[in-house]
Amino acid sequence: MEPLDFCRVKKIDEKGFGFLKSLHYPVDIFFHFSQVSKEEFRAMLQEMKRGEFFLFYTSKGTKDGRRKVADLYYSLESVPQSYLPEFSQKILVEFESGRTNIFDLLFVFNEFRKINFLNGEYVREVLSAKRIASLPIPILPFLTDEEVALFKSILKIDEMATKPFWYDDFLARFNRQSTTNEH
């Protein structure tokens, strides 16, 4: 079974050809607009500007050594469940030390939340990942109050002798979130 992949759409030309970046393969993955079956999805792609749209997909190799999209999904909600365990582990690797844009990874994190795929251990692993710990501010809007409190303890905010550049922003968001939830 080919692994589940995702990316922001890099390019769709006027003839409907597109190329997707892969988490698993070094080459761009080819697809054609005709592979899109849902009308609402097709309309969104037609209006899309480069980089505004995420796709989940699987791909297959071609005879000439390239890859092309096999199955295309608009959201994790429509992805068969059998792909999710391996995909979630790949996303953890990307959070830890990957090359995928952190905001793209947060999009996937939020997709996991929408389908109730997140559990406490997975959230803890994401919050403990090097890339998140080095710049924690972007993930805060995606966390529940309990997760923000957990994150504060993982980061050991109260024990920091030297305050990183993001320290004040983190505390401001943490305090704002806590105050908002008290009312």
N, C-alpha and C. Protein backbone atom coordinates (compact mmCIF):
# COMPACT_ATOMS: atom_id res chain seq x y z
N MET A 1 0.85 -1.18 0.00
CA MET A 1 0.00 0.00 0.00
C MET A 1 0.89 1.24 0.00
N GLU A 2 0.66 2.12 -0.94
CA GLU A 2 1.41 3.38 -1.03
C GLU A 2 1.05 4.26 0.17
N PRO A 3 2.02 5.03 0.67
CA PRO A 3 1.73 5.89 1.82
C PRO A 3 0.88 7.10 1.45
N LEU A 4 0.14 7.59 2.44
CA LEU A 4 -0.63 8.82 2.26
C LEU A 4 0.35 9.98 2.27
N ASP A 5 0.09 10.94 1.43
CA ASP A 5 0.93 12.11 1.28
C ASP A 5 0.05 13.35 1.37
N PHE A 6 0.65 14.52 1.52
CA PHE A 6 -0.11 15.76 1.48
C PHE A 6 0.82 16.91 1.13
N CYS A 7 0.25 17.97 0.63
CA CYS A 7 1.02 19.20 0.40
C CYS A 7 0.08 20.32 -0.01
N ARG A 8 0.63 21.52 0.03
CA ARG A 8 -0.03 22.63 -0.63
C ARG A 8 0.17 22.41 -2.11
N VAL A 9 -0.83 22.73 -2.90
CA VAL A 9 -0.67 22.59 -4.34
C VAL A 9 0.37 23.60 -4.81
N LYS A 10 1.37 23.11 -5.52
CA LYS A 10 2.44 23.97 -6.00
C LYS A 10 2.03 24.72 -7.27
N LYS A 11 1.39 24.01 -8.17
CA LYS A 11 1.09 24.64 -9.45
C LYS A 11 0.03 23.84 -10.20
N ILE A 12 -0.91 24.54 -10.81
CA ILE A 12 -1.83 23.95 -11.76
C ILE A 12 -1.80 24.87 -12.97
N ASP A 13 -1.44 24.33 -14.12
CA ASP A 13 -1.36 25.20 -15.30
C ASP A 13 -2.72 25.31 -15.98
N GLU A 14 -2.77 26.11 -17.03
CA GLU A 14 -4.04 26.38 -17.72
C GLU A 14 -4.62 25.14 -18.38
N LYS A 15 -3.83 24.11 -18.62
CA LYS A 15 -4.33 22.87 -19.22
C LYS A 15 -4.77 21.86 -18.16
N GLY A 16 -4.64 22.22 -16.89
CA GLY A 16 -5.11 21.35 -15.82
C GLY A 16 -4.08 20.41 -15.25
N PHE A 17 -2.82 20.56 -15.64
CA PHE A 17 -1.76 19.74 -15.09
C PHE A 17 -1.24 20.37 -13.81
N GLY A 18 -0.97 19.55 -12.83
CA GLY A 18 -0.47 20.07 -11.57
C GLY A 18 0.67 19.21 -11.04
N PHE A 19 1.41 19.79 -10.11
CA PHE A 19 2.54 19.09 -9.51
C PHE A 19 2.49 19.29 -8.00
N LEU A 20 2.64 18.20 -7.28
CA LEU A 20 2.56 18.22 -5.83
C LEU A 20 3.90 17.82 -5.23
N LYS A 21 4.26 18.47 -4.16
CA LYS A 21 5.47 18.11 -3.41
C LYS A 21 5.12 16.91 -2.53
N SER A 22 6.07 16.05 -2.31
CA SER A 22 5.82 14.82 -1.55
C SER A 22 6.60 14.79 -0.25
N LEU A 23 6.00 14.18 0.77
CA LEU A 23 6.70 13.90 2.03
C LEU A 23 7.62 12.69 1.89
N HIS A 24 7.31 11.84 0.91
CA HIS A 24 7.97 10.54 0.81
C HIS A 24 8.94 10.40 -0.36
N TYR A 25 8.75 11.18 -1.41
CA TYR A 25 9.55 11.03 -2.62
C TYR A 25 10.23 12.34 -2.98
N PRO A 26 11.44 12.27 -3.53
CA PRO A 26 12.17 13.50 -3.87
C PRO A 26 11.64 14.22 -5.11
N VAL A 27 10.87 13.54 -5.92
CA VAL A 27 10.34 14.15 -7.14
C VAL A 27 8.94 14.70 -6.92
N ASP A 28 8.56 15.69 -7.73
CA ASP A 28 7.20 16.20 -7.68
C ASP A 28 6.25 15.14 -8.23
N ILE A 29 5.04 15.14 -7.70
CA ILE A 29 4.03 14.15 -8.10
C ILE A 29 3.06 14.84 -9.07
N PHE A 30 2.87 14.22 -10.22
CA PHE A 30 2.02 14.77 -11.27
C PHE A 30 0.55 14.42 -11.03
N PHE A 31 -0.33 15.36 -11.32
CA PHE A 31 -1.76 15.03 -11.39
C PHE A 31 -2.42 15.90 -12.43
N HIS A 32 -3.58 15.45 -12.86
CA HIS A 32 -4.36 16.23 -13.81
C HIS A 32 -5.70 16.57 -13.19
N PHE A 33 -6.16 17.76 -13.51
CA PHE A 33 -7.42 18.29 -12.99
C PHE A 33 -8.58 17.31 -13.19
N SER A 34 -8.52 16.50 -14.23
CA SER A 34 -9.60 15.54 -14.52
C SER A 34 -9.72 14.48 -13.43
N GLN A 35 -8.69 14.33 -12.59
CA GLN A 35 -8.74 13.35 -11.50
C GLN A 35 -9.66 13.83 -10.36
N VAL A 36 -10.00 15.10 -10.37
CA VAL A 36 -10.85 15.66 -9.33
C VAL A 36 -12.29 15.34 -9.68
N SER A 37 -12.99 14.67 -8.77
CA SER A 37 -14.35 14.23 -9.09
C SER A 37 -15.46 15.10 -8.49
N LYS A 38 -15.28 15.62 -7.29
CA LYS A 38 -16.33 16.42 -6.67
C LYS A 38 -16.40 17.79 -7.33
N GLU A 39 -17.59 18.20 -7.71
CA GLU A 39 -17.77 19.50 -8.38
C GLU A 39 -17.32 20.67 -7.51
N GLU A 40 -17.67 20.65 -6.22
CA GLU A 40 -17.27 21.77 -5.34
C GLU A 40 -15.75 21.83 -5.21
N PHE A 41 -15.13 20.68 -5.17
CA PHE A 41 -13.68 20.59 -5.10
C PHE A 41 -13.05 21.13 -6.38
N ARG A 42 -13.61 20.75 -7.51
CA ARG A 42 -13.12 21.21 -8.81
C ARG A 42 -13.27 22.72 -8.93
N ALA A 43 -14.39 23.25 -8.48
CA ALA A 43 -14.61 24.71 -8.53
C ALA A 43 -13.58 25.43 -7.67
N MET A 44 -13.28 24.90 -6.51
CA MET A 44 -12.29 25.52 -5.62
C MET A 44 -10.91 25.50 -6.27
N LEU A 45 -10.56 24.39 -6.92
CA LEU A 45 -9.27 24.31 -7.57
C LEU A 45 -9.16 25.30 -8.74
N GLN A 46 -10.26 25.49 -9.46
CA GLN A 46 -10.24 26.42 -10.59
C GLN A 46 -9.98 27.85 -10.12
N GLU A 47 -10.49 28.19 -8.95
CA GLU A 47 -10.33 29.54 -8.42
C GLU A 47 -9.06 29.72 -7.60
N MET A 48 -8.39 28.63 -7.33
CA MET A 48 -7.25 28.62 -6.45
C MET A 48 -6.06 29.40 -7.01
N LYS A 49 -5.36 30.03 -6.09
CA LYS A 49 -4.07 30.61 -6.41
C LYS A 49 -3.02 29.67 -5.84
N ARG A 50 -1.84 29.72 -6.41
CA ARG A 50 -0.76 28.84 -5.98
C ARG A 50 -0.57 28.89 -4.46
N GLY A 51 -0.48 27.71 -3.86
CA GLY A 51 -0.19 27.63 -2.44
C GLY A 51 -1.37 27.82 -1.51
N GLU A 52 -2.57 27.98 -2.04
CA GLU A 52 -3.74 28.22 -1.20
C GLU A 52 -4.53 26.96 -0.89
N PHE A 53 -4.13 25.84 -1.42
CA PHE A 53 -4.96 24.66 -1.34
C PHE A 53 -4.16 23.45 -0.92
N PHE A 54 -4.67 22.68 0.03
CA PHE A 54 -4.02 21.46 0.47
C PHE A 54 -4.72 20.25 -0.13
N LEU A 55 -3.95 19.26 -0.47
CA LEU A 55 -4.49 17.99 -0.94
C LEU A 55 -3.82 16.86 -0.17
N PHE A 56 -4.59 15.82 0.07
CA PHE A 56 -4.06 14.56 0.59
C PHE A 56 -4.15 13.60 -0.58
N TYR A 57 -3.16 12.73 -0.73
CA TYR A 57 -3.17 11.86 -1.90
C TYR A 57 -2.24 10.66 -1.71
N THR A 58 -2.42 9.69 -2.57
CA THR A 58 -1.47 8.60 -2.72
C THR A 58 -0.96 8.70 -4.15
N SER A 59 0.19 8.10 -4.41
CA SER A 59 0.75 8.16 -5.76
C SER A 59 1.27 6.79 -6.16
N LYS A 60 1.56 6.67 -7.45
CA LYS A 60 2.15 5.43 -7.95
C LYS A 60 3.21 5.77 -8.98
N GLY A 61 4.18 4.87 -9.11
CA GLY A 61 5.25 5.07 -10.07
C GLY A 61 4.78 4.83 -11.49
N THR A 62 5.41 5.52 -12.43
CA THR A 62 5.12 5.32 -13.85
C THR A 62 6.30 4.60 -14.49
N LYS A 63 6.12 4.14 -15.72
CA LYS A 63 7.17 3.41 -16.43
C LYS A 63 8.43 4.25 -16.64
N ASP A 64 8.25 5.56 -16.74
CA ASP A 64 9.40 6.44 -16.99
C ASP A 64 10.08 6.90 -15.69
N GLY A 65 9.70 6.30 -14.55
CA GLY A 65 10.35 6.62 -13.28
C GLY A 65 9.76 7.81 -12.54
N ARG A 66 8.74 8.40 -13.09
CA ARG A 66 8.08 9.52 -12.41
C ARG A 66 6.96 8.97 -11.53
N ARG A 67 6.28 9.87 -10.87
CA ARG A 67 5.15 9.46 -10.03
C ARG A 67 3.94 10.28 -10.41
N LYS A 68 2.77 9.67 -10.28
CA LYS A 68 1.53 10.40 -10.51
C LYS A 68 0.53 10.05 -9.43
N VAL A 69 -0.39 10.96 -9.20
CA VAL A 69 -1.41 10.76 -8.17
C VAL A 69 -2.27 9.55 -8.50
N ALA A 70 -2.49 8.73 -7.51
CA ALA A 70 -3.39 7.58 -7.66
C ALA A 70 -4.77 7.92 -7.09
N ASP A 71 -4.80 8.39 -5.85
CA ASP A 71 -6.06 8.78 -5.20
C ASP A 71 -5.88 10.16 -4.59
N LEU A 72 -6.93 10.96 -4.67
CA LEU A 72 -6.88 12.35 -4.25
C LEU A 72 -7.98 12.60 -3.23
N TYR A 73 -7.63 13.31 -2.14
CA TYR A 73 -8.59 13.60 -1.08
C TYR A 73 -8.51 15.06 -0.70
N TYR A 74 -9.65 15.67 -0.46
CA TYR A 74 -9.73 17.08 -0.09
C TYR A 74 -9.45 17.30 1.39
N SER A 75 -9.76 16.31 2.22
CA SER A 75 -9.56 16.45 3.66
C SER A 75 -9.26 15.07 4.24
N LEU A 76 -8.75 15.07 5.46
CA LEU A 76 -8.49 13.78 6.12
C LEU A 76 -9.78 13.02 6.39
N GLU A 77 -10.87 13.75 6.47
CA GLU A 77 -12.17 13.12 6.71
C GLU A 77 -12.51 12.08 5.64
N SER A 78 -12.07 12.32 4.41
CA SER A 78 -12.40 11.39 3.32
C SER A 78 -11.31 10.34 3.07
N VAL A 79 -10.21 10.41 3.79
CA VAL A 79 -9.12 9.44 3.64
C VAL A 79 -9.49 8.14 4.35
N PRO A 80 -9.28 7.00 3.72
CA PRO A 80 -9.53 5.73 4.42
C PRO A 80 -8.70 5.65 5.71
N GLN A 81 -9.33 5.20 6.78
CA GLN A 81 -8.70 5.13 8.10
C GLN A 81 -7.40 4.33 8.11
N SER A 82 -7.28 3.36 7.23
CA SER A 82 -6.09 2.50 7.22
C SER A 82 -4.81 3.29 6.93
N TYR A 83 -4.90 4.46 6.31
CA TYR A 83 -3.72 5.28 6.03
C TYR A 83 -3.27 6.11 7.23
N LEU A 84 -4.16 6.38 8.15
CA LEU A 84 -3.89 7.37 9.19
C LEU A 84 -2.77 7.02 10.17
N PRO A 85 -2.65 5.79 10.68
CA PRO A 85 -1.56 5.53 11.64
C PRO A 85 -0.17 5.82 11.07
N GLU A 86 0.12 5.31 9.89
CA GLU A 86 1.44 5.54 9.29
C GLU A 86 1.62 7.02 8.95
N PHE A 87 0.58 7.66 8.43
CA PHE A 87 0.65 9.08 8.07
C PHE A 87 0.90 9.93 9.32
N SER A 88 0.23 9.62 10.41
CA SER A 88 0.41 10.41 11.64
C SER A 88 1.84 10.30 12.15
N GLN A 89 2.46 9.13 11.98
CA GLN A 89 3.86 8.97 12.39
C GLN A 89 4.79 9.79 11.50
N LYS A 90 4.50 9.83 10.22
CA LYS A 90 5.30 10.64 9.30
C LYS A 90 5.18 12.12 9.66
N ILE A 91 4.00 12.55 10.05
CA ILE A 91 3.79 13.95 10.44
C ILE A 91 4.59 14.25 11.73
N LEU A 92 4.64 13.30 12.66
CA LEU A 92 5.46 13.49 13.87
C LEU A 92 6.93 13.67 13.51
N VAL A 93 7.42 12.88 12.57
CA VAL A 93 8.81 13.02 12.12
C VAL A 93 9.02 14.41 11.54
N GLU A 94 8.07 14.89 10.76
CA GLU A 94 8.18 16.23 10.18
C GLU A 94 8.17 17.31 11.27
N PHE A 95 7.34 17.14 12.29
CA PHE A 95 7.34 18.09 13.41
C PHE A 95 8.70 18.08 14.12
N GLU A 96 9.30 16.93 14.22
CA GLU A 96 10.57 16.81 14.93
C GLU A 96 11.73 17.38 14.12
N SER A 97 11.87 16.93 12.89
CA SER A 97 13.08 17.32 12.14
C SER A 97 12.88 17.40 10.64
N GLY A 98 11.65 17.51 10.19
CA GLY A 98 11.39 17.49 8.75
C GLY A 98 11.62 18.83 8.07
N ARG A 99 11.31 18.84 6.79
CA ARG A 99 11.50 20.04 5.98
C ARG A 99 10.16 20.70 5.62
N THR A 100 9.06 20.09 6.00
CA THR A 100 7.74 20.64 5.69
C THR A 100 7.49 21.90 6.50
N ASN A 101 6.93 22.90 5.86
CA ASN A 101 6.58 24.16 6.51
C ASN A 101 5.75 23.88 7.76
N ILE A 102 6.08 24.52 8.86
CA ILE A 102 5.40 24.28 10.14
C ILE A 102 3.91 24.62 10.05
N PHE A 103 3.55 25.63 9.28
CA PHE A 103 2.15 25.99 9.15
C PHE A 103 1.37 24.95 8.37
N ASP A 104 2.02 24.29 7.42
CA ASP A 104 1.39 23.18 6.72
C ASP A 104 1.16 22.01 7.67
N LEU A 105 2.13 21.76 8.55
CA LEU A 105 1.98 20.69 9.54
C LEU A 105 0.86 21.01 10.52
N LEU A 106 0.73 22.27 10.88
CA LEU A 106 -0.35 22.66 11.79
C LEU A 106 -1.72 22.51 11.11
N PHE A 107 -1.78 22.70 9.81
CA PHE A 107 -3.00 22.42 9.06
C PHE A 107 -3.39 20.95 9.24
N VAL A 108 -2.41 20.05 9.11
CA VAL A 108 -2.67 18.61 9.27
C VAL A 108 -3.06 18.31 10.72
N PHE A 109 -2.37 18.92 11.68
CA PHE A 109 -2.70 18.74 13.09
C PHE A 109 -4.17 19.09 13.32
N ASN A 110 -4.61 20.20 12.74
CA ASN A 110 -6.00 20.63 12.87
C ASN A 110 -6.96 19.66 12.17
N GLU A 111 -6.53 19.11 11.05
CA GLU A 111 -7.34 18.10 10.36
C GLU A 111 -7.50 16.85 11.24
N PHE A 112 -6.41 16.45 11.91
CA PHE A 112 -6.50 15.33 12.85
C PHE A 112 -7.52 15.64 13.95
N ARG A 113 -7.50 16.87 14.43
CA ARG A 113 -8.45 17.27 15.48
C ARG A 113 -9.89 17.16 14.95
N LYS A 114 -10.14 17.61 13.74
CA LYS A 114 -11.49 17.58 13.16
C LYS A 114 -12.06 16.17 13.06
N ILE A 115 -11.19 15.19 12.83
CA ILE A 115 -11.68 13.81 12.71
C ILE A 115 -11.49 13.02 14.01
N ASN A 116 -11.20 13.73 15.11
CA ASN A 116 -11.02 13.10 16.42
C ASN A 116 -9.94 12.03 16.41
N PHE A 117 -8.87 12.28 15.69
CA PHE A 117 -7.77 11.33 15.62
C PHE A 117 -6.70 11.62 16.67
N LEU A 118 -6.69 12.80 17.22
CA LEU A 118 -5.68 13.16 18.22
C LEU A 118 -5.96 12.48 19.54
N ASN A 119 -4.92 11.98 20.17
CA ASN A 119 -5.05 11.50 21.54
C ASN A 119 -3.98 12.20 22.37
N GLY A 120 -4.05 12.05 23.66
CA GLY A 120 -3.14 12.75 24.56
C GLY A 120 -1.67 12.48 24.29
N GLU A 121 -1.33 11.24 24.00
CA GLU A 121 0.07 10.89 23.75
C GLU A 121 0.57 11.53 22.46
N TYR A 122 -0.26 11.52 21.43
CA TYR A 122 0.15 12.13 20.15
C TYR A 122 0.36 13.63 20.33
N VAL A 123 -0.55 14.30 21.01
CA VAL A 123 -0.42 15.73 21.27
C VAL A 123 0.87 16.00 22.05
N ARG A 124 1.13 15.18 23.06
CA ARG A 124 2.35 15.34 23.86
C ARG A 124 3.59 15.21 22.96
N GLU A 125 3.59 14.24 22.05
CA GLU A 125 4.74 14.07 21.15
C GLU A 125 4.92 15.27 20.23
N VAL A 126 3.82 15.81 19.72
CA VAL A 126 3.91 17.00 18.87
C VAL A 126 4.45 18.17 19.68
N LEU A 127 3.92 18.37 20.87
CA LEU A 127 4.35 19.49 21.71
C LEU A 127 5.80 19.35 22.17
N SER A 128 6.31 18.14 22.19
CA SER A 128 7.70 17.88 22.59
C SER A 128 8.66 17.91 21.40
N ALA A 129 8.14 18.01 20.20
CA ALA A 129 8.99 17.99 19.00
C ALA A 129 9.90 19.21 18.97
N LYS A 130 11.11 19.02 18.46
CA LYS A 130 12.12 20.09 18.42
C LYS A 130 11.62 21.35 17.72
N ARG A 131 10.98 21.17 16.58
CA ARG A 131 10.57 22.34 15.79
C ARG A 131 9.47 23.14 16.50
N ILE A 132 8.63 22.47 17.24
CA ILE A 132 7.57 23.16 17.99
C ILE A 132 8.17 23.82 19.23
N ALA A 133 9.04 23.12 19.92
CA ALA A 133 9.65 23.68 21.13
C ALA A 133 10.53 24.89 20.81
N SER A 134 11.13 24.92 19.63
CA SER A 134 11.99 26.05 19.29
C SER A 134 11.19 27.29 18.89
N LEU A 135 9.96 27.10 18.44
CA LEU A 135 9.09 28.22 18.10
C LEU A 135 7.65 27.83 18.43
N PRO A 136 7.26 27.96 19.69
CA PRO A 136 5.96 27.43 20.14
C PRO A 136 4.74 28.29 19.81
N ILE A 137 4.91 29.53 19.46
CA ILE A 137 3.77 30.44 19.27
C ILE A 137 2.77 29.96 18.20
N PRO A 138 3.20 29.51 17.02
CA PRO A 138 2.23 29.15 15.98
C PRO A 138 1.24 28.06 16.35
N ILE A 139 1.60 27.14 17.24
CA ILE A 139 0.69 26.04 17.56
C ILE A 139 -0.38 26.44 18.58
N LEU A 140 -0.16 27.50 19.33
CA LEU A 140 -1.09 27.85 20.42
C LEU A 140 -2.56 27.95 19.99
N PRO A 141 -2.88 28.58 18.86
CA PRO A 141 -4.31 28.66 18.49
C PRO A 141 -4.96 27.31 18.21
N PHE A 142 -4.17 26.28 18.00
CA PHE A 142 -4.68 24.96 17.67
C PHE A 142 -4.87 24.07 18.90
N LEU A 143 -4.54 24.60 20.08
CA LEU A 143 -4.56 23.80 21.30
C LEU A 143 -5.75 24.12 22.19
N THR A 144 -6.19 23.11 22.93
CA THR A 144 -7.21 23.33 23.95
C THR A 144 -6.52 23.94 25.17
N ASP A 145 -7.28 24.42 26.14
CA ASP A 145 -6.71 24.97 27.37
C ASP A 145 -5.82 23.96 28.08
N GLU A 146 -6.28 22.72 28.17
CA GLU A 146 -5.50 21.68 28.83
C GLU A 146 -4.19 21.43 28.10
N GLU A 147 -4.24 21.46 26.76
CA GLU A 147 -3.03 21.24 25.98
C GLU A 147 -2.04 22.40 26.13
N VAL A 148 -2.55 23.63 26.24
CA VAL A 148 -1.68 24.78 26.46
C VAL A 148 -0.98 24.65 27.81
N ALA A 149 -1.72 24.24 28.83
CA ALA A 149 -1.12 24.04 30.15
C ALA A 149 -0.07 22.93 30.10
N LEU A 150 -0.36 21.85 29.39
CA LEU A 150 0.61 20.77 29.20
C LEU A 150 1.84 21.30 28.49
N PHE A 151 1.64 22.08 27.46
CA PHE A 151 2.74 22.65 26.69
C PHE A 151 3.62 23.53 27.57
N LYS A 152 3.00 24.32 28.42
CA LYS A 152 3.76 25.18 29.34
C LYS A 152 4.66 24.32 30.24
N SER A 153 4.14 23.18 30.70
CA SER A 153 4.96 22.31 31.55
C SER A 153 6.04 21.60 30.74
N ILE A 154 5.75 21.20 29.52
CA ILE A 154 6.76 20.55 28.67
C ILE A 154 7.91 21.52 28.40
N LEU A 155 7.57 22.77 28.12
CA LEU A 155 8.58 23.79 27.84
C LEU A 155 9.32 24.24 29.11
N LYS A 156 8.76 23.90 30.27
CA LYS A 156 9.31 24.31 31.57
C LYS A 156 9.48 25.84 31.63
N ILE A 157 8.41 26.51 31.23
CA ILE A 157 8.39 27.98 31.16
C ILE A 157 8.80 28.61 32.50
N ASP A 158 8.25 28.08 33.57
CA ASP A 158 8.50 28.68 34.89
C ASP A 158 9.94 28.48 35.37
N GLU A 159 10.67 27.53 34.77
CA GLU A 159 12.03 27.24 35.19
C GLU A 159 13.10 27.89 34.31
N MET A 160 12.68 28.59 33.27
CA MET A 160 13.65 29.16 32.32
C MET A 160 14.46 30.28 32.96
N ALA A 161 15.76 30.10 32.99
CA ALA A 161 16.65 31.14 33.51
C ALA A 161 16.83 32.24 32.47
N THR A 162 17.04 31.83 31.22
CA THR A 162 17.16 32.77 30.12
C THR A 162 15.88 32.67 29.31
N LYS A 163 15.23 33.78 29.13
CA LYS A 163 13.95 33.80 28.42
C LYS A 163 14.18 33.91 26.92
N PRO A 164 13.65 32.94 26.14
CA PRO A 164 13.80 33.02 24.68
C PRO A 164 12.98 34.18 24.10
N PHE A 165 13.26 34.52 22.87
CA PHE A 165 12.60 35.67 22.23
C PHE A 165 11.08 35.54 22.20
N TRP A 166 10.55 34.34 22.23
CA TRP A 166 9.11 34.13 22.14
C TRP A 166 8.43 34.07 23.51
N TYR A 167 9.17 34.14 24.58
CA TYR A 167 8.68 33.96 25.95
C TYR A 167 7.49 34.87 26.27
N ASP A 168 7.63 36.18 26.05
CA ASP A 168 6.55 37.12 26.39
C ASP A 168 5.29 36.87 25.57
N ASP A 169 5.46 36.57 24.28
CA ASP A 169 4.30 36.27 23.43
C ASP A 169 3.59 35.01 23.91
N PHE A 170 4.38 34.00 24.29
CA PHE A 170 3.78 32.76 24.78
C PHE A 170 2.96 33.02 26.03
N LEU A 171 3.54 33.70 27.00
CA LEU A 171 2.82 33.98 28.24
C LEU A 171 1.60 34.85 28.00
N ALA A 172 1.71 35.81 27.10
CA ALA A 172 0.56 36.67 26.79
C ALA A 172 -0.59 35.84 26.22
N ARG A 173 -0.28 34.95 25.31
CA ARG A 173 -1.33 34.09 24.74
C ARG A 173 -1.86 33.10 25.77
N PHE A 174 -0.96 32.56 26.57
CA PHE A 174 -1.37 31.62 27.61
C PHE A 174 -2.31 32.32 28.60
N ASN A 175 -1.93 33.50 29.06
CA ASN A 175 -2.74 34.25 30.02
C ASN A 175 -4.06 34.71 29.41
N ARG A 176 -4.02 35.14 28.16
CA ARG A 176 -5.24 35.57 27.46
C ARG A 176 -6.20 34.40 27.33
N GLN A 177 -5.67 33.23 26.98
CA GLN A 177 -6.51 32.04 26.82
C GLN A 177 -7.10 31.64 28.17
N SER A 178 -6.32 31.71 29.23
CA SER A 178 -6.80 31.35 30.54
C SER A 178 -7.87 32.33 31.02
N THR A 179 -7.67 33.62 30.79
CA THR A 179 -8.64 34.65 31.21
C THR A 179 -9.93 34.51 30.43
N THR A 180 -9.84 34.25 29.13
CA THR A 180 -11.03 34.10 28.29
C THR A 180 -11.87 32.93 28.76
N ASN A 181 -11.24 31.87 29.20
CA ASN A 181 -11.98 30.67 29.60
C ASN A 181 -12.56 30.78 31.01
N GLU A 182 -12.13 31.76 31.77
CA GLU A 182 -12.69 31.93 33.12
C GLU A 182 -14.03 32.63 33.07
N HIS A 183 -14.32 33.34 31.98
CA HIS A 183 -15.57 34.11 31.88
C HIS A 183 -16.67 33.35 31.20
